[in-house]
Amino acid sequence: MKDTPPEMDARYRAMLMERTGEERLKMGCAMRETARALVEASIRQQDPQATPDTIRKGVFLRFYGHEFDADSQRKILAAIESAGRPIAS
């Protein structure tokens, strides 16, 4: 959906470009962290007993799941699960 007038888009872009590259990078990182926190909160709201693995899997599916076919998703989810297991001695 694009409901912003072109002149406002241009003004916003100009304001962003006035910032340094470091400031823009920090803004992007902060937005990503906020998005991740919102996704994690949503997962916990749906499942208050969610384990760290469940949350990692849910974050993966929300952010990147649409980019992979079902077989690839299963492999990635299995890797996420195995990465959370302690190393056997």
PDB file of N, CA and C in Angstrom:
ATOM      1  N   MET A   1       0.850  -1.172   0.000  1.00  0.00           N
ATOM      2  CA  MET A   1       0.000   0.000   0.000  1.00  0.00           C
ATOM      3  C   MET A   1       0.895   1.233   0.000  1.00  0.00           C
ATOM      4  N   LYS A   2       0.594   2.149  -0.838  1.00  0.00           N
ATOM      5  CA  LYS A   2       1.387   3.368  -0.962  1.00  0.00           C
ATOM      6  C   LYS A   2       0.432   4.549  -0.873  1.00  0.00           C
ATOM      7  N   ASP A   3       0.301   5.111   0.333  1.00  0.00           N
ATOM      8  CA  ASP A   3      -0.635   6.221   0.508  1.00  0.00           C
ATOM      9  C   ASP A   3       0.059   7.528   0.872  1.00  0.00           C
ATOM     10  N   THR A   4       1.392   7.547   0.761  1.00  0.00           N
ATOM     11  CA  THR A   4       2.155   8.748   1.084  1.00  0.00           C
ATOM     12  C   THR A   4       2.360   9.571  -0.182  1.00  0.00           C
ATOM     13  N   PRO A   5       2.021  10.845  -0.141  1.00  0.00           N
ATOM     14  CA  PRO A   5       2.229  11.686  -1.325  1.00  0.00           C
ATOM     15  C   PRO A   5       3.716  11.730  -1.715  1.00  0.00           C
ATOM     16  N   PRO A   6       4.027  11.784  -3.004  1.00  0.00           N
ATOM     17  CA  PRO A   6       5.419  11.773  -3.466  1.00  0.00           C
ATOM     18  C   PRO A   6       6.277  12.865  -2.833  1.00  0.00           C
ATOM     19  N   GLU A   7       5.705  14.056  -2.608  1.00  0.00           N
ATOM     20  CA  GLU A   7       6.506  15.139  -2.020  1.00  0.00           C
ATOM     21  C   GLU A   7       6.893  14.822  -0.571  1.00  0.00           C
ATOM     22  N   MET A   8       6.029  14.110   0.157  1.00  0.00           N
ATOM     23  CA  MET A   8       6.351  13.707   1.534  1.00  0.00           C
ATOM     24  C   MET A   8       7.409  12.606   1.523  1.00  0.00           C
ATOM     25  N   ASP A   9       7.299  11.677   0.567  1.00  0.00           N
ATOM     26  CA  ASP A   9       8.327  10.641   0.421  1.00  0.00           C
ATOM     27  C   ASP A   9       9.688  11.283   0.174  1.00  0.00           C
ATOM     28  N   ALA A  10       9.712  12.258  -0.714  1.00  0.00           N
ATOM     29  CA  ALA A  10      10.971  12.940  -1.044  1.00  0.00           C
ATOM     30  C   ALA A  10      11.521  13.685   0.173  1.00  0.00           C
ATOM     31  N   ARG A  11      10.641  14.314   0.905  1.00  0.00           N
ATOM     32  CA  ARG A  11      11.091  15.050   2.096  1.00  0.00           C
ATOM     33  C   ARG A  11      11.661  14.092   3.144  1.00  0.00           C
ATOM     34  N   TYR A  12      10.971  12.982   3.354  1.00  0.00           N
ATOM     35  CA  TYR A  12      11.433  11.981   4.317  1.00  0.00           C
ATOM     36  C   TYR A  12      12.796  11.426   3.893  1.00  0.00           C
ATOM     37  N   ARG A  13      12.927  11.088   2.618  1.00  0.00           N
ATOM     38  CA  ARG A  13      14.208  10.562   2.120  1.00  0.00           C
ATOM     39  C   ARG A  13      15.319  11.594   2.318  1.00  0.00           C
ATOM     40  N   ALA A  14      15.043  12.844   2.031  1.00  0.00           N
ATOM     41  CA  ALA A  14      16.048  13.900   2.212  1.00  0.00           C
ATOM     42  C   ALA A  14      16.469  13.996   3.676  1.00  0.00           C
ATOM     43  N   MET A  15      15.498  13.889   4.591  1.00  0.00           N
ATOM     44  CA  MET A  15      15.821  13.938   6.020  1.00  0.00           C
ATOM     45  C   MET A  15      16.713  12.762   6.421  1.00  0.00           C
ATOM     46  N   LEU A  16      16.396  11.579   5.889  1.00  0.00           N
ATOM     47  CA  LEU A  16      17.219  10.409   6.199  1.00  0.00           C
ATOM     48  C   LEU A  16      18.641  10.576   5.663  1.00  0.00           C
ATOM     49  N   MET A  17      18.743  11.107   4.464  1.00  0.00           N
ATOM     50  CA  MET A  17      20.055  11.242   3.842  1.00  0.00           C
ATOM     51  C   MET A  17      20.912  12.321   4.504  1.00  0.00           C
ATOM     52  N   GLU A  18      20.297  13.183   5.291  1.00  0.00           N
ATOM     53  CA  GLU A  18      21.060  14.172   6.049  1.00  0.00           C
ATOM     54  C   GLU A  18      21.821  13.520   7.204  1.00  0.00           C
ATOM     55  N   ARG A  19      21.375  12.357   7.607  1.00  0.00           N
ATOM     56  CA  ARG A  19      22.040  11.640   8.695  1.00  0.00           C
ATOM     57  C   ARG A  19      23.302  10.962   8.171  1.00  0.00           C
ATOM     58  N   THR A  20      24.213  10.685   9.069  1.00  0.00           N
ATOM     59  CA  THR A  20      25.432   9.979   8.670  1.00  0.00           C
ATOM     60  C   THR A  20      25.095   8.511   8.408  1.00  0.00           C
ATOM     61  N   GLY A  21      25.999   7.841   7.724  1.00  0.00           N
ATOM     62  CA  GLY A  21      25.812   6.410   7.495  1.00  0.00           C
ATOM     63  C   GLY A  21      25.704   5.636   8.799  1.00  0.00           C
ATOM     64  N   GLU A  22      26.501   6.036   9.782  1.00  0.00           N
ATOM     65  CA  GLU A  22      26.453   5.377  11.084  1.00  0.00           C
ATOM     66  C   GLU A  22      25.085   5.563  11.734  1.00  0.00           C
ATOM     67  N   GLU A  23      24.539   6.771  11.663  1.00  0.00           N
ATOM     68  CA  GLU A  23      23.211   7.021  12.258  1.00  0.00           C
ATOM     69  C   GLU A  23      22.141   6.196  11.560  1.00  0.00           C
ATOM     70  N   ARG A  24      22.224   6.102  10.232  1.00  0.00           N
ATOM     71  CA  ARG A  24      21.226   5.314   9.488  1.00  0.00           C
ATOM     72  C   ARG A  24      21.355   3.834   9.821  1.00  0.00           C
ATOM     73  N   LEU A  25      22.594   3.349   9.971  1.00  0.00           N
ATOM     74  CA  LEU A  25      22.803   1.952  10.348  1.00  0.00           C
ATOM     75  C   LEU A  25      22.225   1.682  11.732  1.00  0.00           C
ATOM     76  N   LYS A  26      22.482   2.587  12.680  1.00  0.00           N
ATOM     77  CA  LYS A  26      21.934   2.418  14.031  1.00  0.00           C
ATOM     78  C   LYS A  26      20.404   2.411  14.010  1.00  0.00           C
ATOM     79  N   MET A  27      19.810   3.273  13.189  1.00  0.00           N
ATOM     80  CA  MET A  27      18.343   3.299  13.081  1.00  0.00           C
ATOM     81  C   MET A  27      17.819   1.953  12.564  1.00  0.00           C
ATOM     82  N   GLY A  28      18.479   1.440  11.521  1.00  0.00           N
ATOM     83  CA  GLY A  28      18.058   0.164  10.953  1.00  0.00           C
ATOM     84  C   GLY A  28      18.185  -0.971  11.956  1.00  0.00           C
ATOM     85  N   CYS A  29      19.294  -0.987  12.688  1.00  0.00           N
ATOM     86  CA  CYS A  29      19.499  -2.034  13.701  1.00  0.00           C
ATOM     87  C   CYS A  29      18.447  -1.936  14.804  1.00  0.00           C
ATOM     88  N   ALA A  30      18.136  -0.724  15.218  1.00  0.00           N
ATOM     89  CA  ALA A  30      17.126  -0.529  16.264  1.00  0.00           C
ATOM     90  C   ALA A  30      15.750  -0.997  15.777  1.00  0.00           C
ATOM     91  N   MET A  31      15.430  -0.707  14.503  1.00  0.00           N
ATOM     92  CA  MET A  31      14.137  -1.147  13.951  1.00  0.00           C
ATOM     93  C   MET A  31      14.062  -2.664  13.891  1.00  0.00           C
ATOM     94  N   ARG A  32      15.172  -3.306  13.526  1.00  0.00           N
ATOM     95  CA  ARG A  32      15.185  -4.764  13.471  1.00  0.00           C
ATOM     96  C   ARG A  32      14.992  -5.362  14.859  1.00  0.00           C
ATOM     97  N   GLU A  33      15.677  -4.806  15.850  1.00  0.00           N
ATOM     98  CA  GLU A  33      15.539  -5.306  17.211  1.00  0.00           C
ATOM     99  C   GLU A  33      14.115  -5.109  17.732  1.00  0.00           C
ATOM    100  N   THR A  34      13.504  -3.994  17.392  1.00  0.00           N
ATOM    101  CA  THR A  34      12.118  -3.753  17.792  1.00  0.00           C
ATOM    102  C   THR A  34      11.190  -4.765  17.143  1.00  0.00           C
ATOM    103  N   ALA A  35      11.391  -5.015  15.843  1.00  0.00           N
ATOM    104  CA  ALA A  35      10.555  -5.997  15.137  1.00  0.00           C
ATOM    105  C   ALA A  35      10.725  -7.381  15.764  1.00  0.00           C
ATOM    106  N   ARG A  36      11.961  -7.755  16.071  1.00  0.00           N
ATOM    107  CA  ARG A  36      12.198  -9.065  16.686  1.00  0.00           C
ATOM    108  C   ARG A  36      11.522  -9.155  18.054  1.00  0.00           C
ATOM    109  N   ALA A  37      11.627  -8.090  18.852  1.00  0.00           N
ATOM    110  CA  ALA A  37      10.996  -8.089  20.177  1.00  0.00           C
ATOM    111  C   ALA A  37       9.480  -8.239  20.058  1.00  0.00           C
ATOM    112  N   LEU A  38       8.894  -7.585  19.062  1.00  0.00           N
ATOM    113  CA  LEU A  38       7.447  -7.706  18.856  1.00  0.00           C
ATOM    114  C   LEU A  38       7.066  -9.125  18.452  1.00  0.00           C
ATOM    115  N   VAL A  39       7.853  -9.733  17.583  1.00  0.00           N
ATOM    116  CA  VAL A  39       7.574 -11.114  17.170  1.00  0.00           C
ATOM    117  C   VAL A  39       7.719 -12.060  18.359  1.00  0.00           C
ATOM    118  N   GLU A  40       8.787 -11.892  19.138  1.00  0.00           N
ATOM    119  CA  GLU A  40       8.971 -12.754  20.312  1.00  0.00           C
ATOM    120  C   GLU A  40       7.819 -12.588  21.301  1.00  0.00           C
ATOM    121  N   ALA A  41       7.375 -11.364  21.511  1.00  0.00           N
ATOM    122  CA  ALA A  41       6.251 -11.126  22.431  1.00  0.00           C
ATOM    123  C   ALA A  41       4.985 -11.795  21.914  1.00  0.00           C
ATOM    124  N   SER A  42       4.778 -11.747  20.622  1.00  0.00           N
ATOM    125  CA  SER A  42       3.605 -12.393  20.028  1.00  0.00           C
ATOM    126  C   SER A  42       3.664 -13.911  20.222  1.00  0.00           C
ATOM    127  N   ILE A  43       4.840 -14.480  20.031  1.00  0.00           N
ATOM    128  CA  ILE A  43       5.007 -15.924  20.216  1.00  0.00           C
ATOM    129  C   ILE A  43       4.741 -16.295  21.671  1.00  0.00           C
ATOM    130  N   ARG A  44       5.279 -15.514  22.590  1.00  0.00           N
ATOM    131  CA  ARG A  44       5.058 -15.790  24.022  1.00  0.00           C
ATOM    132  C   ARG A  44       3.599 -15.606  24.413  1.00  0.00           C
ATOM    133  N   GLN A  45       2.922 -14.660  23.776  1.00  0.00           N
ATOM    134  CA  GLN A  45       1.499 -14.456  24.073  1.00  0.00           C
ATOM    135  C   GLN A  45       0.692 -15.672  23.620  1.00  0.00           C
ATOM    136  N   GLN A  46       1.045 -16.218  22.452  1.00  0.00           N
ATOM    137  CA  GLN A  46       0.352 -17.403  21.945  1.00  0.00           C
ATOM    138  C   GLN A  46       0.703 -18.649  22.745  1.00  0.00           C
ATOM    139  N   ASP A  47       1.940 -18.700  23.256  1.00  0.00           N
ATOM    140  CA  ASP A  47       2.408 -19.860  24.018  1.00  0.00           C
ATOM    141  C   ASP A  47       3.277 -19.387  25.181  1.00  0.00           C
ATOM    142  N   PRO A  48       2.664 -19.097  26.336  1.00  0.00           N
ATOM    143  CA  PRO A  48       3.434 -18.588  27.474  1.00  0.00           C
ATOM    144  C   PRO A  48       4.544 -19.533  27.945  1.00  0.00           C
ATOM    145  N   GLN A  49       4.453 -20.805  27.610  1.00  0.00           N
ATOM    146  CA  GLN A  49       5.471 -21.785  28.012  1.00  0.00           C
ATOM    147  C   GLN A  49       6.507 -22.029  26.912  1.00  0.00           C
ATOM    148  N   ALA A  50       6.559 -21.159  25.920  1.00  0.00           N
ATOM    149  CA  ALA A  50       7.471 -21.345  24.779  1.00  0.00           C
ATOM    150  C   ALA A  50       8.918 -21.440  25.243  1.00  0.00           C
ATOM    151  N   THR A  51       9.610 -22.436  24.715  1.00  0.00           N
ATOM    152  CA  THR A  51      11.027 -22.620  25.024  1.00  0.00           C
ATOM    153  C   THR A  51      11.860 -21.697  24.130  1.00  0.00           C
ATOM    154  N   PRO A  52      13.123 -21.506  24.463  1.00  0.00           N
ATOM    155  CA  PRO A  52      13.983 -20.705  23.577  1.00  0.00           C
ATOM    156  C   PRO A  52      14.023 -21.242  22.142  1.00  0.00           C
ATOM    157  N   ASP A  53      14.048 -22.580  21.988  1.00  0.00           N
ATOM    158  CA  ASP A  53      14.016 -23.167  20.639  1.00  0.00           C
ATOM    159  C   ASP A  53      12.724 -22.815  19.918  1.00  0.00           C
ATOM    160  N   THR A  54      11.600 -22.898  20.625  1.00  0.00           N
ATOM    161  CA  THR A  54      10.313 -22.568  20.023  1.00  0.00           C
ATOM    162  C   THR A  54      10.304 -21.116  19.556  1.00  0.00           C
ATOM    163  N   ILE A  55      10.868 -20.248  20.357  1.00  0.00           N
ATOM    164  CA  ILE A  55      10.914 -18.824  19.999  1.00  0.00           C
ATOM    165  C   ILE A  55      11.827 -18.621  18.794  1.00  0.00           C
ATOM    166  N   ARG A  56      13.008 -19.249  18.783  1.00  0.00           N
ATOM    167  CA  ARG A  56      13.919 -19.117  17.637  1.00  0.00           C
ATOM    168  C   ARG A  56      13.251 -19.611  16.358  1.00  0.00           C
ATOM    169  N   LYS A  57      12.557 -20.749  16.455  1.00  0.00           N
ATOM    170  CA  LYS A  57      11.866 -21.283  15.283  1.00  0.00           C
ATOM    171  C   LYS A  57      10.760 -20.331  14.820  1.00  0.00           C
ATOM    172  N   GLY A  58      10.004 -19.810  15.766  1.00  0.00           N
ATOM    173  CA  GLY A  58       8.932 -18.876  15.418  1.00  0.00           C
ATOM    174  C   GLY A  58       9.455 -17.607  14.767  1.00  0.00           C
ATOM    175  N   VAL A  59      10.569 -17.093  15.284  1.00  0.00           N
ATOM    176  CA  VAL A  59      11.179 -15.892  14.696  1.00  0.00           C
ATOM    177  C   VAL A  59      11.620 -16.205  13.268  1.00  0.00           C
ATOM    178  N   PHE A  60      12.274 -17.345  13.081  1.00  0.00           N
ATOM    179  CA  PHE A  60      12.694 -17.732  11.728  1.00  0.00           C
ATOM    180  C   PHE A  60      11.496 -17.782  10.775  1.00  0.00           C
ATOM    181  N   LEU A  61      10.431 -18.469  11.203  1.00  0.00           N
ATOM    182  CA  LEU A  61       9.271 -18.616  10.333  1.00  0.00           C
ATOM    183  C   LEU A  61       8.627 -17.267  10.005  1.00  0.00           C
ATOM    184  N   ARG A  62       8.525 -16.385  10.982  1.00  0.00           N
ATOM    185  CA  ARG A  62       7.900 -15.082  10.741  1.00  0.00           C
ATOM    186  C   ARG A  62       8.726 -14.205   9.812  1.00  0.00           C
ATOM    187  N   PHE A  63      10.052 -14.208  10.014  1.00  0.00           N
ATOM    188  CA  PHE A  63      10.906 -13.336   9.208  1.00  0.00           C
ATOM    189  C   PHE A  63      11.270 -13.937   7.855  1.00  0.00           C
ATOM    190  N   TYR A  64      11.552 -15.233   7.826  1.00  0.00           N
ATOM    191  CA  TYR A  64      12.125 -15.831   6.624  1.00  0.00           C
ATOM    192  C   TYR A  64      11.370 -17.032   6.060  1.00  0.00           C
ATOM    193  N   GLY A  65      10.374 -17.534   6.769  1.00  0.00           N
ATOM    194  CA  GLY A  65       9.688 -18.749   6.355  1.00  0.00           C
ATOM    195  C   GLY A  65       9.136 -18.699   4.947  1.00  0.00           C
ATOM    196  N   HIS A  66       8.634 -17.553   4.532  1.00  0.00           N
ATOM    197  CA  HIS A  66       8.023 -17.416   3.200  1.00  0.00           C
ATOM    198  C   HIS A  66       9.051 -17.542   2.071  1.00  0.00           C
ATOM    199  N   GLU A  67      10.329 -17.496   2.410  1.00  0.00           N
ATOM    200  CA  GLU A  67      11.365 -17.558   1.391  1.00  0.00           C
ATOM    201  C   GLU A  67      11.835 -18.988   1.100  1.00  0.00           C
ATOM    202  N   PHE A  68      11.312 -19.963   1.842  1.00  0.00           N
ATOM    203  CA  PHE A  68      11.766 -21.343   1.706  1.00  0.00           C
ATOM    204  C   PHE A  68      10.592 -22.275   1.456  1.00  0.00           C
ATOM    205  N   ASP A  69      10.843 -23.330   0.678  1.00  0.00           N
ATOM    206  CA  ASP A  69       9.805 -24.340   0.486  1.00  0.00           C
ATOM    207  C   ASP A  69       9.699 -25.183   1.762  1.00  0.00           C
ATOM    208  N   ALA A  70       8.676 -26.017   1.828  1.00  0.00           N
ATOM    209  CA  ALA A  70       8.387 -26.774   3.050  1.00  0.00           C
ATOM    210  C   ALA A  70       9.554 -27.680   3.451  1.00  0.00           C
ATOM    211  N   ASP A  71      10.199 -28.333   2.478  1.00  0.00           N
ATOM    212  CA  ASP A  71      11.314 -29.230   2.802  1.00  0.00           C
ATOM    213  C   ASP A  71      12.494 -28.439   3.382  1.00  0.00           C
ATOM    214  N   SER A  72      12.803 -27.301   2.782  1.00  0.00           N
ATOM    215  CA  SER A  72      13.896 -26.466   3.292  1.00  0.00           C
ATOM    216  C   SER A  72      13.567 -25.939   4.682  1.00  0.00           C
ATOM    217  N   GLN A  73      12.318 -25.554   4.896  1.00  0.00           N
ATOM    218  CA  GLN A  73      11.903 -25.083   6.226  1.00  0.00           C
ATOM    219  C   GLN A  73      12.141 -26.167   7.271  1.00  0.00           C
ATOM    220  N   ARG A  74      11.734 -27.401   6.955  1.00  0.00           N
ATOM    221  CA  ARG A  74      11.912 -28.509   7.908  1.00  0.00           C
ATOM    222  C   ARG A  74      13.391 -28.700   8.254  1.00  0.00           C
ATOM    223  N   LYS A  75      14.264 -28.629   7.253  1.00  0.00           N
ATOM    224  CA  LYS A  75      15.705 -28.800   7.491  1.00  0.00           C
ATOM    225  C   LYS A  75      16.248 -27.670   8.369  1.00  0.00           C
ATOM    226  N   ILE A  76      15.839 -26.461   8.077  1.00  0.00           N
ATOM    227  CA  ILE A  76      16.317 -25.313   8.858  1.00  0.00           C
ATOM    228  C   ILE A  76      15.804 -25.395  10.289  1.00  0.00           C
ATOM    229  N   LEU A  77      14.527 -25.739  10.462  1.00  0.00           N
ATOM    230  CA  LEU A  77      13.953 -25.858  11.805  1.00  0.00           C
ATOM    231  C   LEU A  77      14.655 -26.960  12.596  1.00  0.00           C
ATOM    232  N   ALA A  78      15.002 -28.061  11.923  1.00  0.00           N
ATOM    233  CA  ALA A  78      15.733 -29.142  12.597  1.00  0.00           C
ATOM    234  C   ALA A  78      17.117 -28.658  13.016  1.00  0.00           C
ATOM    235  N   ALA A  79      17.761 -27.860  12.179  1.00  0.00           N
ATOM    236  CA  ALA A  79      19.083 -27.326  12.520  1.00  0.00           C
ATOM    237  C   ALA A  79      18.988 -26.359  13.699  1.00  0.00           C
ATOM    238  N   ILE A  80      17.942 -25.564  13.728  1.00  0.00           N
ATOM    239  CA  ILE A  80      17.743 -24.647  14.858  1.00  0.00           C
ATOM    240  C   ILE A  80      17.588 -25.448  16.136  1.00  0.00           C
ATOM    241  N   GLU A  81      16.795 -26.507  16.071  1.00  0.00           N
ATOM    242  CA  GLU A  81      16.568 -27.344  17.252  1.00  0.00           C
ATOM    243  C   GLU A  81      17.855 -28.017  17.704  1.00  0.00           C
ATOM    244  N   SER A  82      18.619 -28.550  16.762  1.00  0.00           N
ATOM    245  CA  SER A  82      19.856 -29.267  17.152  1.00  0.00           C
ATOM    246  C   SER A  82      20.913 -28.276  17.652  1.00  0.00           C
ATOM    247  N   ALA A  83      20.887 -27.050  17.181  1.00  0.00           N
ATOM    248  CA  ALA A  83      21.852 -26.047  17.646  1.00  0.00           C
ATOM    249  C   ALA A  83      21.594 -25.679  19.110  1.00  0.00           C
ATOM    250  N   GLY A  84      20.366 -25.855  19.584  1.00  0.00           N
ATOM    251  CA  GLY A  84      20.033 -25.527  20.962  1.00  0.00           C
ATOM    252  C   GLY A  84      20.326 -26.643  21.949  1.00  0.00           C
ATOM    253  N   ARG A  85      20.691 -27.817  21.448  1.00  0.00           N
ATOM    254  CA  ARG A  85      20.971 -28.955  22.336  1.00  0.00           C
ATOM    255  C   ARG A  85      22.366 -28.865  22.913  1.00  0.00           C
ATOM    256  N   PRO A  86      22.533 -29.296  24.154  1.00  0.00           N
ATOM    257  CA  PRO A  86      23.890 -29.326  24.730  1.00  0.00           C
ATOM    258  C   PRO A  86      24.740 -30.382  24.028  1.00  0.00           C
ATOM    259  N   ILE A  87      26.028 -30.161  24.006  1.00  0.00           N
ATOM    260  CA  ILE A  87      26.962 -31.109  23.386  1.00  0.00           C
ATOM    261  C   ILE A  87      27.145 -32.308  24.312  1.00  0.00           C
ATOM    262  N   ALA A  88      26.956 -33.502  23.773  1.00  0.00           N
ATOM    263  CA  ALA A  88      27.114 -34.725  24.577  1.00  0.00           C
ATOM    264  C   ALA A  88      28.596 -34.977  24.822  1.00  0.00           C
ATOM    265  N   SER A  89      28.906 -35.448  26.023  1.00  0.00           N
ATOM    266  CA  SER A  89      30.317 -35.727  26.336  1.00  0.00           C
ATOM    267  C   SER A  89      30.577 -37.203  26.404  1.00  0.00           C
TER     268      SER A  89
END
